[in-house]
Amino acid sequence: MGHLIGEFDCKLDTKGRMVLPAALKRQMPEVEQHGLVINRGFEKHLVIYPRGEWDKITNKLAKLNQYVARNRKFIRDFTRGATELALDSAGRVLLPKSLLEYGGIETEIVLSCQFNKIEVWSKDAYNKLWEDEEDDDFAALAEEVMGGGNLDMEDDG
């Protein structure tokens, strides 16, 4: 799978279902066969992974030493609420109520693609990210993050 691209405004119906945008669905042709996994993000949002990407992450987690308390805590926190999602015949997925509550999500959402995953934000919270941005000098941030020795320059492709 290549990296996912795009930002999509969506609405949940009264049952908490979301139609997966066609442009996003085209980027994940395996989704109908293998499904998706949703879990809590590091901030107050949700994250959707194609099943193959979720399996790669959980395979890494399975290699952590489970006799180390911090490892166990991270695994619990990361997988808490993780739920398989399947598209119905109308191309919708039902988002779990407990996860919607965690993300403060009611009706309007933004799907923001981030390489191998899709962040799911309440539209208000997503817009607030940009309003609250203290470091609005994107060029300086780019130099700090991309200009130094922060990158693994090996080509994975």
N, C-alpha and C. Protein backbone atom coordinates (compact mmCIF):
# COMPACT_ATOMS: atom_id res chain seq x y z
N MET A 1 0.85 -1.18 0.00
CA MET A 1 0.00 0.00 0.00
C MET A 1 0.88 1.23 0.00
N GLY A 2 0.54 2.19 -0.84
CA GLY A 2 1.24 3.46 -0.82
C GLY A 2 0.74 4.32 0.31
N HIS A 3 1.31 5.49 0.45
CA HIS A 3 0.86 6.40 1.50
C HIS A 3 -0.49 7.00 1.14
N LEU A 4 -1.34 7.09 2.14
CA LEU A 4 -2.67 7.67 1.94
C LEU A 4 -2.57 9.18 1.85
N ILE A 5 -3.43 9.77 1.02
CA ILE A 5 -3.39 11.20 0.76
C ILE A 5 -4.79 11.77 0.89
N GLY A 6 -4.89 12.93 1.53
CA GLY A 6 -6.15 13.65 1.51
C GLY A 6 -6.65 14.05 2.88
N GLU A 7 -7.60 14.95 2.83
CA GLU A 7 -8.32 15.44 4.00
C GLU A 7 -9.78 15.51 3.58
N PHE A 8 -10.66 14.89 4.38
CA PHE A 8 -12.04 14.74 3.97
C PHE A 8 -12.98 15.17 5.09
N ASP A 9 -13.94 16.02 4.76
CA ASP A 9 -15.01 16.38 5.70
C ASP A 9 -16.12 15.35 5.55
N CYS A 10 -16.57 14.80 6.66
CA CYS A 10 -17.61 13.78 6.65
C CYS A 10 -18.62 14.06 7.76
N LYS A 11 -19.75 13.39 7.67
CA LYS A 11 -20.76 13.48 8.72
C LYS A 11 -21.16 12.08 9.13
N LEU A 12 -21.41 11.94 10.43
CA LEU A 12 -21.91 10.69 10.95
C LEU A 12 -23.43 10.73 10.93
N ASP A 13 -24.05 9.58 10.66
CA ASP A 13 -25.50 9.55 10.76
C ASP A 13 -25.88 9.34 12.23
N THR A 14 -27.16 9.25 12.51
CA THR A 14 -27.62 9.16 13.90
C THR A 14 -27.16 7.89 14.61
N LYS A 15 -26.77 6.86 13.85
CA LYS A 15 -26.29 5.62 14.44
C LYS A 15 -24.78 5.59 14.61
N GLY A 16 -24.09 6.67 14.19
CA GLY A 16 -22.64 6.71 14.30
C GLY A 16 -21.92 6.09 13.12
N ARG A 17 -22.63 6.01 11.99
CA ARG A 17 -22.02 5.44 10.78
C ARG A 17 -21.46 6.56 9.90
N MET A 18 -20.38 6.23 9.23
CA MET A 18 -19.72 7.16 8.33
C MET A 18 -19.55 6.49 6.98
N VAL A 19 -19.84 7.23 5.92
CA VAL A 19 -19.56 6.73 4.57
C VAL A 19 -18.08 6.99 4.29
N LEU A 20 -17.36 5.95 3.94
CA LEU A 20 -15.95 6.11 3.57
C LEU A 20 -15.88 6.84 2.24
N PRO A 21 -15.25 8.01 2.19
CA PRO A 21 -15.20 8.77 0.93
C PRO A 21 -14.62 7.94 -0.22
N ALA A 22 -15.22 8.07 -1.39
CA ALA A 22 -14.82 7.28 -2.55
C ALA A 22 -13.34 7.47 -2.88
N ALA A 23 -12.85 8.71 -2.79
CA ALA A 23 -11.44 8.99 -3.10
C ALA A 23 -10.51 8.27 -2.13
N LEU A 24 -10.94 8.11 -0.92
CA LEU A 24 -10.13 7.40 0.08
C LEU A 24 -10.24 5.89 -0.13
N LYS A 25 -11.43 5.44 -0.42
CA LYS A 25 -11.66 4.01 -0.65
C LYS A 25 -10.82 3.51 -1.84
N ARG A 26 -10.68 4.34 -2.87
CA ARG A 26 -9.86 3.96 -4.04
C ARG A 26 -8.40 3.76 -3.66
N GLN A 27 -7.93 4.46 -2.63
CA GLN A 27 -6.54 4.32 -2.20
C GLN A 27 -6.31 3.05 -1.38
N MET A 28 -7.40 2.42 -0.96
CA MET A 28 -7.31 1.21 -0.13
C MET A 28 -8.16 0.10 -0.73
N PRO A 29 -7.78 -0.42 -1.88
CA PRO A 29 -8.63 -1.41 -2.54
C PRO A 29 -8.85 -2.67 -1.71
N GLU A 30 -7.95 -2.94 -0.77
CA GLU A 30 -8.07 -4.15 0.05
C GLU A 30 -9.05 -4.00 1.20
N VAL A 31 -9.60 -2.80 1.39
CA VAL A 31 -10.42 -2.54 2.58
C VAL A 31 -11.69 -3.40 2.62
N GLU A 32 -12.30 -3.64 1.48
CA GLU A 32 -13.53 -4.43 1.49
C GLU A 32 -13.27 -5.88 1.89
N GLN A 33 -12.12 -6.40 1.52
CA GLN A 33 -11.79 -7.79 1.84
C GLN A 33 -11.22 -7.92 3.25
N HIS A 34 -10.31 -7.02 3.63
CA HIS A 34 -9.58 -7.18 4.89
C HIS A 34 -10.09 -6.28 6.03
N GLY A 35 -10.82 -5.24 5.71
CA GLY A 35 -11.37 -4.37 6.73
C GLY A 35 -10.39 -3.34 7.27
N LEU A 36 -10.80 -2.68 8.33
CA LEU A 36 -10.06 -1.61 8.96
C LEU A 36 -10.04 -1.85 10.47
N VAL A 37 -9.15 -1.15 11.16
CA VAL A 37 -9.13 -1.17 12.61
C VAL A 37 -9.09 0.28 13.07
N ILE A 38 -9.90 0.60 14.09
CA ILE A 38 -9.92 1.94 14.65
C ILE A 38 -9.49 1.85 16.12
N ASN A 39 -8.73 2.84 16.56
CA ASN A 39 -8.37 2.91 17.97
C ASN A 39 -8.18 4.37 18.38
N ARG A 40 -7.80 4.57 19.63
CA ARG A 40 -7.59 5.91 20.16
C ARG A 40 -6.28 6.46 19.63
N GLY A 41 -6.27 7.76 19.30
CA GLY A 41 -5.03 8.43 18.91
C GLY A 41 -4.30 8.93 20.14
N PHE A 42 -3.12 9.48 19.94
CA PHE A 42 -2.33 10.00 21.05
C PHE A 42 -2.93 11.27 21.62
N GLU A 43 -3.58 12.06 20.78
CA GLU A 43 -4.32 13.21 21.26
C GLU A 43 -5.80 12.79 21.30
N LYS A 44 -6.69 13.71 21.53
CA LYS A 44 -8.12 13.36 21.62
C LYS A 44 -8.72 13.22 20.21
N HIS A 45 -8.30 12.19 19.52
CA HIS A 45 -8.84 11.86 18.21
C HIS A 45 -8.78 10.35 18.06
N LEU A 46 -9.25 9.86 16.94
CA LEU A 46 -9.24 8.43 16.66
C LEU A 46 -8.33 8.18 15.47
N VAL A 47 -7.93 6.94 15.30
CA VAL A 47 -7.06 6.58 14.17
C VAL A 47 -7.61 5.31 13.53
N ILE A 48 -7.73 5.36 12.21
CA ILE A 48 -8.16 4.19 11.43
C ILE A 48 -6.95 3.68 10.65
N TYR A 49 -6.74 2.37 10.74
CA TYR A 49 -5.67 1.71 10.00
C TYR A 49 -6.26 0.68 9.06
N PRO A 50 -5.74 0.57 7.84
CA PRO A 50 -6.07 -0.62 7.05
C PRO A 50 -5.57 -1.84 7.83
N ARG A 51 -6.27 -2.95 7.74
CA ARG A 51 -5.95 -4.12 8.57
C ARG A 51 -4.48 -4.53 8.45
N GLY A 52 -3.92 -4.49 7.25
CA GLY A 52 -2.52 -4.88 7.06
C GLY A 52 -1.56 -3.98 7.83
N GLU A 53 -1.85 -2.69 7.89
CA GLU A 53 -1.01 -1.76 8.64
C GLU A 53 -1.14 -2.00 10.14
N TRP A 54 -2.36 -2.26 10.61
CA TRP A 54 -2.57 -2.57 12.02
C TRP A 54 -1.77 -3.82 12.41
N ASP A 55 -1.80 -4.83 11.55
CA ASP A 55 -1.07 -6.06 11.83
C ASP A 55 0.44 -5.80 11.93
N LYS A 56 0.99 -4.92 11.10
CA LYS A 56 2.42 -4.59 11.18
C LYS A 56 2.74 -3.96 12.53
N ILE A 57 1.88 -3.05 12.99
CA ILE A 57 2.11 -2.37 14.27
C ILE A 57 2.01 -3.36 15.42
N THR A 58 0.97 -4.18 15.41
CA THR A 58 0.80 -5.11 16.52
C THR A 58 1.88 -6.19 16.52
N ASN A 59 2.43 -6.52 15.36
CA ASN A 59 3.56 -7.45 15.33
C ASN A 59 4.77 -6.84 16.02
N LYS A 60 4.98 -5.52 15.86
CA LYS A 60 6.06 -4.84 16.58
C LYS A 60 5.79 -4.82 18.07
N LEU A 61 4.54 -4.55 18.45
CA LEU A 61 4.19 -4.53 19.87
C LEU A 61 4.40 -5.89 20.51
N ALA A 62 4.13 -6.95 19.76
CA ALA A 62 4.27 -8.31 20.29
C ALA A 62 5.73 -8.65 20.59
N LYS A 63 6.67 -7.91 20.01
CA LYS A 63 8.09 -8.16 20.24
C LYS A 63 8.61 -7.43 21.48
N LEU A 64 7.81 -6.53 22.06
CA LEU A 64 8.24 -5.84 23.27
C LEU A 64 8.29 -6.81 24.43
N ASN A 65 9.24 -6.57 25.33
CA ASN A 65 9.38 -7.40 26.51
C ASN A 65 8.21 -7.10 27.45
N GLN A 66 7.33 -8.07 27.61
CA GLN A 66 6.13 -7.86 28.41
C GLN A 66 6.38 -7.97 29.90
N TYR A 67 7.62 -8.23 30.29
CA TYR A 67 7.97 -8.22 31.71
C TYR A 67 8.36 -6.82 32.17
N VAL A 68 8.40 -5.88 31.25
CA VAL A 68 8.70 -4.48 31.57
C VAL A 68 7.37 -3.73 31.70
N ALA A 69 7.14 -3.15 32.86
CA ALA A 69 5.85 -2.50 33.17
C ALA A 69 5.49 -1.42 32.16
N ARG A 70 6.43 -0.60 31.75
CA ARG A 70 6.13 0.49 30.80
C ARG A 70 5.69 -0.07 29.45
N ASN A 71 6.27 -1.17 29.04
CA ASN A 71 5.86 -1.81 27.79
C ASN A 71 4.41 -2.28 27.89
N ARG A 72 4.07 -2.94 29.01
CA ARG A 72 2.70 -3.41 29.18
C ARG A 72 1.71 -2.26 29.18
N LYS A 73 2.09 -1.18 29.87
CA LYS A 73 1.21 -0.01 29.92
C LYS A 73 1.01 0.58 28.52
N PHE A 74 2.09 0.71 27.77
CA PHE A 74 1.97 1.26 26.42
C PHE A 74 1.08 0.37 25.56
N ILE A 75 1.29 -0.92 25.62
CA ILE A 75 0.48 -1.85 24.81
C ILE A 75 -0.99 -1.71 25.18
N ARG A 76 -1.29 -1.66 26.48
CA ARG A 76 -2.68 -1.50 26.92
C ARG A 76 -3.26 -0.18 26.43
N ASP A 77 -2.51 0.89 26.63
CA ASP A 77 -3.01 2.21 26.21
C ASP A 77 -3.22 2.27 24.70
N PHE A 78 -2.28 1.72 23.95
CA PHE A 78 -2.35 1.80 22.49
C PHE A 78 -3.51 0.97 21.93
N THR A 79 -3.74 -0.19 22.51
CA THR A 79 -4.76 -1.08 21.95
C THR A 79 -6.13 -0.90 22.61
N ARG A 80 -6.21 -0.05 23.61
CA ARG A 80 -7.47 0.15 24.32
C ARG A 80 -8.56 0.64 23.36
N GLY A 81 -9.63 -0.09 23.30
CA GLY A 81 -10.75 0.29 22.45
C GLY A 81 -10.60 -0.08 20.99
N ALA A 82 -9.47 -0.68 20.63
CA ALA A 82 -9.27 -1.05 19.22
C ALA A 82 -10.42 -1.95 18.76
N THR A 83 -10.96 -1.62 17.60
CA THR A 83 -12.15 -2.31 17.09
C THR A 83 -12.01 -2.52 15.59
N GLU A 84 -12.39 -3.71 15.14
CA GLU A 84 -12.42 -3.96 13.70
C GLU A 84 -13.61 -3.26 13.09
N LEU A 85 -13.41 -2.69 11.92
CA LEU A 85 -14.49 -2.04 11.17
C LEU A 85 -14.65 -2.77 9.84
N ALA A 86 -15.88 -2.94 9.43
CA ALA A 86 -16.16 -3.54 8.12
C ALA A 86 -17.14 -2.63 7.39
N LEU A 87 -16.95 -2.50 6.11
CA LEU A 87 -17.88 -1.71 5.31
C LEU A 87 -19.16 -2.48 5.09
N ASP A 88 -20.29 -1.80 5.24
CA ASP A 88 -21.56 -2.43 4.92
C ASP A 88 -21.83 -2.28 3.43
N SER A 89 -22.97 -2.74 2.97
CA SER A 89 -23.28 -2.72 1.53
C SER A 89 -23.39 -1.30 0.98
N ALA A 90 -23.59 -0.31 1.85
CA ALA A 90 -23.67 1.09 1.41
C ALA A 90 -22.33 1.81 1.54
N GLY A 91 -21.25 1.08 1.87
CA GLY A 91 -19.93 1.70 1.99
C GLY A 91 -19.73 2.46 3.29
N ARG A 92 -20.52 2.11 4.31
CA ARG A 92 -20.42 2.80 5.61
C ARG A 92 -19.71 1.91 6.62
N VAL A 93 -19.11 2.58 7.62
CA VAL A 93 -18.55 1.88 8.78
C VAL A 93 -19.20 2.45 10.03
N LEU A 94 -19.44 1.59 10.99
CA LEU A 94 -20.03 2.00 12.26
C LEU A 94 -18.89 2.26 13.24
N LEU A 95 -18.78 3.51 13.70
CA LEU A 95 -17.74 3.87 14.65
C LEU A 95 -18.25 3.61 16.07
N PRO A 96 -17.45 2.93 16.90
CA PRO A 96 -17.90 2.59 18.25
C PRO A 96 -18.20 3.83 19.10
N LYS A 97 -19.29 3.75 19.82
CA LYS A 97 -19.75 4.87 20.64
C LYS A 97 -18.69 5.29 21.67
N SER A 98 -18.04 4.31 22.31
CA SER A 98 -17.04 4.64 23.33
C SER A 98 -15.86 5.42 22.73
N LEU A 99 -15.48 5.09 21.51
CA LEU A 99 -14.39 5.82 20.86
C LEU A 99 -14.85 7.21 20.43
N LEU A 100 -16.09 7.32 19.95
CA LEU A 100 -16.61 8.64 19.59
C LEU A 100 -16.63 9.56 20.81
N GLU A 101 -17.01 9.00 21.96
CA GLU A 101 -17.01 9.80 23.19
C GLU A 101 -15.60 10.22 23.56
N TYR A 102 -14.63 9.31 23.45
CA TYR A 102 -13.23 9.64 23.74
C TYR A 102 -12.76 10.80 22.88
N GLY A 103 -13.10 10.78 21.60
CA GLY A 103 -12.66 11.82 20.67
C GLY A 103 -13.52 13.07 20.68
N GLY A 104 -14.57 13.09 21.50
CA GLY A 104 -15.46 14.25 21.53
C GLY A 104 -16.15 14.45 20.19
N ILE A 105 -16.42 13.35 19.51
CA ILE A 105 -16.98 13.39 18.16
C ILE A 105 -18.49 13.21 18.23
N GLU A 106 -19.21 14.12 17.57
CA GLU A 106 -20.67 14.03 17.54
C GLU A 106 -21.16 13.76 16.12
N THR A 107 -21.09 14.75 15.25
CA THR A 107 -21.62 14.57 13.90
C THR A 107 -20.60 14.89 12.82
N GLU A 108 -20.03 16.09 12.86
CA GLU A 108 -19.10 16.52 11.81
C GLU A 108 -17.69 16.11 12.17
N ILE A 109 -17.04 15.44 11.19
CA ILE A 109 -15.68 14.96 11.42
C ILE A 109 -14.78 15.32 10.25
N VAL A 110 -13.49 15.26 10.50
CA VAL A 110 -12.48 15.41 9.46
C VAL A 110 -11.62 14.16 9.47
N LEU A 111 -11.44 13.57 8.30
CA LEU A 111 -10.52 12.47 8.12
C LEU A 111 -9.24 13.05 7.53
N SER A 112 -8.13 12.89 8.23
CA SER A 112 -6.85 13.44 7.78
C SER A 112 -5.86 12.30 7.59
N CYS A 113 -5.48 12.06 6.35
CA CYS A 113 -4.57 10.95 6.04
C CYS A 113 -3.16 11.30 6.50
N GLN A 114 -2.53 10.35 7.15
CA GLN A 114 -1.16 10.49 7.65
C GLN A 114 -0.38 9.24 7.30
N PHE A 115 0.13 9.18 6.08
CA PHE A 115 0.94 8.07 5.58
C PHE A 115 0.17 6.75 5.55
N ASN A 116 0.23 5.95 6.63
CA ASN A 116 -0.39 4.62 6.63
C ASN A 116 -1.65 4.56 7.47
N LYS A 117 -2.13 5.72 7.91
CA LYS A 117 -3.29 5.75 8.79
C LYS A 117 -4.14 6.97 8.49
N ILE A 118 -5.35 6.97 9.06
CA ILE A 118 -6.29 8.07 8.87
C ILE A 118 -6.68 8.57 10.25
N GLU A 119 -6.36 9.82 10.54
CA GLU A 119 -6.79 10.42 11.79
C GLU A 119 -8.24 10.86 11.64
N VAL A 120 -9.03 10.62 12.68
CA VAL A 120 -10.44 11.00 12.71
C VAL A 120 -10.61 12.02 13.82
N TRP A 121 -10.98 13.24 13.44
CA TRP A 121 -11.11 14.34 14.39
C TRP A 121 -12.52 14.89 14.37
N SER A 122 -12.97 15.35 15.51
CA SER A 122 -14.14 16.22 15.54
C SER A 122 -13.76 17.43 14.70
N LYS A 123 -14.67 17.90 13.85
CA LYS A 123 -14.33 19.03 12.98
C LYS A 123 -13.91 20.24 13.81
N ASP A 124 -14.60 20.50 14.91
CA ASP A 124 -14.25 21.63 15.77
C ASP A 124 -12.84 21.48 16.35
N ALA A 125 -12.51 20.29 16.84
CA ALA A 125 -11.18 20.04 17.42
C ALA A 125 -10.09 20.17 16.36
N TYR A 126 -10.37 19.68 15.15
CA TYR A 126 -9.39 19.77 14.06
C TYR A 126 -9.13 21.22 13.69
N ASN A 127 -10.20 22.00 13.56
CA ASN A 127 -10.03 23.42 13.24
C ASN A 127 -9.29 24.15 14.37
N LYS A 128 -9.54 23.75 15.60
CA LYS A 128 -8.88 24.38 16.75
C LYS A 128 -7.38 24.11 16.73
N LEU A 129 -6.96 22.96 16.20
CA LEU A 129 -5.52 22.67 16.08
C LEU A 129 -4.80 23.80 15.37
N TRP A 130 -5.42 24.31 14.33
CA TRP A 130 -4.76 25.34 13.51
C TRP A 130 -4.91 26.72 14.15
N GLU A 131 -6.00 26.94 14.88
CA GLU A 131 -6.19 28.23 15.56
C GLU A 131 -5.21 28.39 16.71
N ASP A 132 -4.95 27.29 17.43
CA ASP A 132 -4.10 27.33 18.61
C ASP A 132 -2.61 27.21 18.28
N GLU A 133 -2.28 27.08 17.04
CA GLU A 133 -0.90 26.85 16.64
C GLU A 133 -0.02 28.02 17.08
N GLU A 134 0.83 27.77 18.09
CA GLU A 134 1.73 28.80 18.57
C GLU A 134 2.85 29.05 17.57
N ASP A 135 3.36 27.97 16.99
CA ASP A 135 4.47 28.08 16.05
C ASP A 135 3.91 28.14 14.64
N ASP A 136 3.47 29.35 14.25
CA ASP A 136 2.85 29.47 12.93
C ASP A 136 3.87 29.73 11.83
N ASP A 137 5.16 29.63 12.14
CA ASP A 137 6.19 29.79 11.12
C ASP A 137 6.53 28.41 10.57
N PHE A 138 5.79 28.01 9.55
CA PHE A 138 5.92 26.68 8.98
C PHE A 138 7.32 26.46 8.40
N ALA A 139 7.91 27.50 7.83
CA ALA A 139 9.26 27.37 7.27
C ALA A 139 10.28 27.03 8.36
N ALA A 140 10.17 27.67 9.53
CA ALA A 140 11.09 27.39 10.63
C ALA A 140 10.88 25.97 11.15
N LEU A 141 9.63 25.56 11.25
CA LEU A 141 9.34 24.21 11.68
C LEU A 141 9.89 23.19 10.69
N ALA A 142 9.73 23.45 9.41
CA ALA A 142 10.26 22.56 8.37
C ALA A 142 11.78 22.43 8.49
N GLU A 143 12.45 23.53 8.72
CA GLU A 143 13.91 23.48 8.87
C GLU A 143 14.30 22.66 10.10
N GLU A 144 13.59 22.87 11.19
CA GLU A 144 13.90 22.15 12.43
C GLU A 144 13.67 20.65 12.28
N VAL A 145 12.56 20.27 11.68
CA VAL A 145 12.20 18.86 11.59
C VAL A 145 12.91 18.17 10.43
N MET A 146 12.96 18.81 9.28
CA MET A 146 13.46 18.16 8.07
C MET A 146 14.89 18.53 7.70
N GLY A 147 15.41 19.64 8.23
CA GLY A 147 16.69 20.16 7.76
C GLY A 147 17.91 19.59 8.44
N GLY A 148 17.74 18.94 9.57
CA GLY A 148 18.89 18.44 10.30
C GLY A 148 19.06 16.96 10.15
N GLY A 149 19.51 16.35 11.19
CA GLY A 149 19.79 14.92 11.16
C GLY A 149 18.62 14.09 11.67
N ASN A 150 17.41 14.62 11.57
CA ASN A 150 16.24 13.90 12.10
C ASN A 150 15.75 12.77 11.20
N LEU A 151 16.17 12.76 9.96
CA LEU A 151 15.61 11.79 9.01
C LEU A 151 16.51 10.60 8.82
N ASP A 152 15.89 9.45 8.70
CA ASP A 152 16.57 8.24 8.28
C ASP A 152 16.61 8.33 6.76
N MET A 153 17.75 8.55 6.21
CA MET A 153 17.85 8.83 4.77
C MET A 153 17.85 7.57 3.91
N GLU A 154 17.70 6.39 4.55
CA GLU A 154 17.59 5.18 3.75
C GLU A 154 16.31 5.20 2.95
N ASP A 155 16.39 4.76 1.72
CA ASP A 155 15.21 4.70 0.87
C ASP A 155 14.53 3.35 1.10
N ASP A 156 13.29 3.41 1.63
CA ASP A 156 12.55 2.18 1.86
C ASP A 156 11.94 1.62 0.58
N GLY A 157 11.92 2.38 -0.48
CA GLY A 157 11.24 1.97 -1.69
C GLY A 157 12.10 1.23 -2.55
